[in-house]
Amino acid sequence: VAVGVAQLLPHPRYAGEATSGDIALARLARSVPFGPGIGPVCLPSARLRFSPGTACVSTGWGDTGSGGERGGPRGVKMGLGGTGRDWEGLGGVKMGLGGTGR
């Protein structure tokens, strides 16, 4: 399904290539029906707590960290840091952060 973007709303703390606030909302030009491969983004509740070391998957696009970019989405398996709330560094939201078994 190809749909245009009517409006792009970057995180208010995003500052170019900085890692903080590196997320945005895209308002689509028209609605799309949910189905296989199309669904809402799941974000954690502000009250949700994970134990340090909880396995998760972080997904996104952009810089590979080795001097280049790679097209298309990619993901990395990782463990949460000491607080269990690693998404707080992005003003309360971090895309693609979820617990195991999902």
Protein backbone atom coordinates (compact mmCIF):
# COMPACT_ATOMS: atom_id res chain seq x y z
CA VAL A 1 0.00 0.00 0.00
CA ALA A 2 1.47 3.36 -1.03
CA VAL A 3 0.10 6.45 0.75
CA GLY A 4 1.51 9.97 0.76
CA VAL A 5 2.47 11.87 3.91
CA ALA A 6 0.33 14.95 4.56
CA GLN A 7 2.32 16.22 7.55
CA LEU A 8 5.53 15.25 9.33
CA LEU A 9 5.80 16.08 13.05
CA PRO A 10 9.37 15.66 14.36
CA HIS A 11 10.08 15.29 18.08
CA PRO A 12 10.49 18.81 19.58
CA ARG A 13 13.94 17.86 20.96
CA TYR A 14 15.30 16.53 17.66
CA ALA A 15 18.42 18.46 16.62
CA GLY A 16 19.75 17.14 13.31
CA GLU A 17 22.05 14.16 13.69
CA ALA A 18 21.71 13.95 17.49
CA THR A 19 20.38 10.68 18.88
CA SER A 20 18.04 12.37 21.36
CA GLY A 21 14.51 12.87 20.06
CA ASP A 22 15.23 10.95 16.85
CA ILE A 23 11.57 10.08 16.20
CA ALA A 24 8.65 11.64 14.33
CA LEU A 25 4.95 11.14 13.63
CA ALA A 26 3.72 11.07 10.05
CA ARG A 27 0.12 12.07 9.30
CA LEU A 28 -0.97 10.12 6.24
CA ALA A 29 -2.77 11.76 3.33
CA ARG A 30 -5.59 9.23 3.72
CA SER A 31 -6.57 6.49 6.13
CA VAL A 32 -5.48 2.91 5.52
CA PRO A 33 -7.25 -0.25 6.71
CA PHE A 34 -5.48 -2.43 9.28
CA GLY A 35 -4.61 -5.89 8.02
CA PRO A 36 -1.62 -8.19 7.50
CA GLY A 37 1.47 -5.98 7.68
CA ILE A 38 -0.45 -2.80 8.60
CA GLY A 39 -1.27 -1.97 12.22
CA PRO A 40 -0.84 0.61 14.97
CA VAL A 41 2.55 1.27 16.57
CA CYS A 42 2.71 -0.18 20.08
CA LEU A 43 4.32 2.15 22.61
CA PRO A 44 4.96 1.31 26.27
CA SER A 45 2.88 2.85 29.03
CA ALA A 46 4.68 5.52 31.08
CA ARG A 47 4.05 3.30 34.15
CA LEU A 48 5.60 0.18 32.60
CA ARG A 49 8.84 -1.01 34.24
CA PHE A 50 11.25 -3.56 32.76
CA SER A 51 13.94 -5.31 34.78
CA PRO A 52 17.54 -4.39 33.86
CA GLY A 53 18.84 -6.78 31.22
CA THR A 54 15.37 -7.55 29.80
CA ALA A 55 15.83 -8.66 26.19
CA CYS A 56 14.19 -6.43 23.58
CA VAL A 57 14.39 -5.50 19.91
CA SER A 58 14.99 -1.93 18.73
CA THR A 59 14.03 -1.12 15.12
CA GLY A 60 14.40 1.81 12.76
CA TRP A 61 16.14 3.35 9.76
CA GLY A 62 19.19 5.52 9.29
CA ASP A 63 22.88 5.64 10.16
CA THR A 64 24.53 2.26 10.60
CA GLY A 65 27.07 3.64 13.08
CA SER A 66 29.92 2.66 10.75
CA GLY A 67 29.87 5.73 8.53
CA GLY A 68 26.98 4.88 6.24
CA GLU A 69 23.26 4.48 5.87
CA ARG A 70 21.29 1.42 4.92
CA GLY A 71 17.94 1.58 3.16
CA GLY A 72 14.90 -0.06 4.67
CA PRO A 73 14.10 -0.97 8.25
CA ARG A 74 16.46 -2.97 10.41
CA GLY A 75 16.53 -4.17 14.00
CA VAL A 76 18.90 -5.15 16.74
CA LYS A 77 18.41 -7.48 19.73
CA MET A 78 19.63 -5.85 22.93
CA GLY A 79 19.27 -5.83 26.70
CA LEU A 80 17.87 -2.87 28.59
CA GLY A 81 20.31 -0.86 30.69
CA GLY A 82 20.43 -0.28 34.42
CA THR A 83 17.12 1.54 34.95
CA GLY A 84 14.92 -0.64 32.75
CA ARG A 85 13.54 2.59 31.24
CA ASP A 86 15.99 3.32 28.41
CA TRP A 87 13.33 5.13 26.35
CA GLU A 88 13.36 8.10 28.77
CA GLY A 89 16.40 9.55 26.97
CA LEU A 90 14.09 10.45 24.07
CA GLY A 91 11.62 12.46 26.09
CA GLY A 92 9.51 9.46 27.09
CA VAL A 93 9.35 7.65 23.74
CA LYS A 94 11.63 5.26 21.93
CA MET A 95 10.41 3.53 18.81
CA GLY A 96 10.42 -0.21 18.64
CA LEU A 97 11.28 -0.95 22.25
CA GLY A 98 9.48 -3.99 23.58
CA GLY A 99 9.87 -6.95 25.88
CA THR A 100 10.54 -10.52 24.83
CA GLY A 101 7.83 -12.84 23.64
CA ARG A 102 6.17 -10.31 21.35
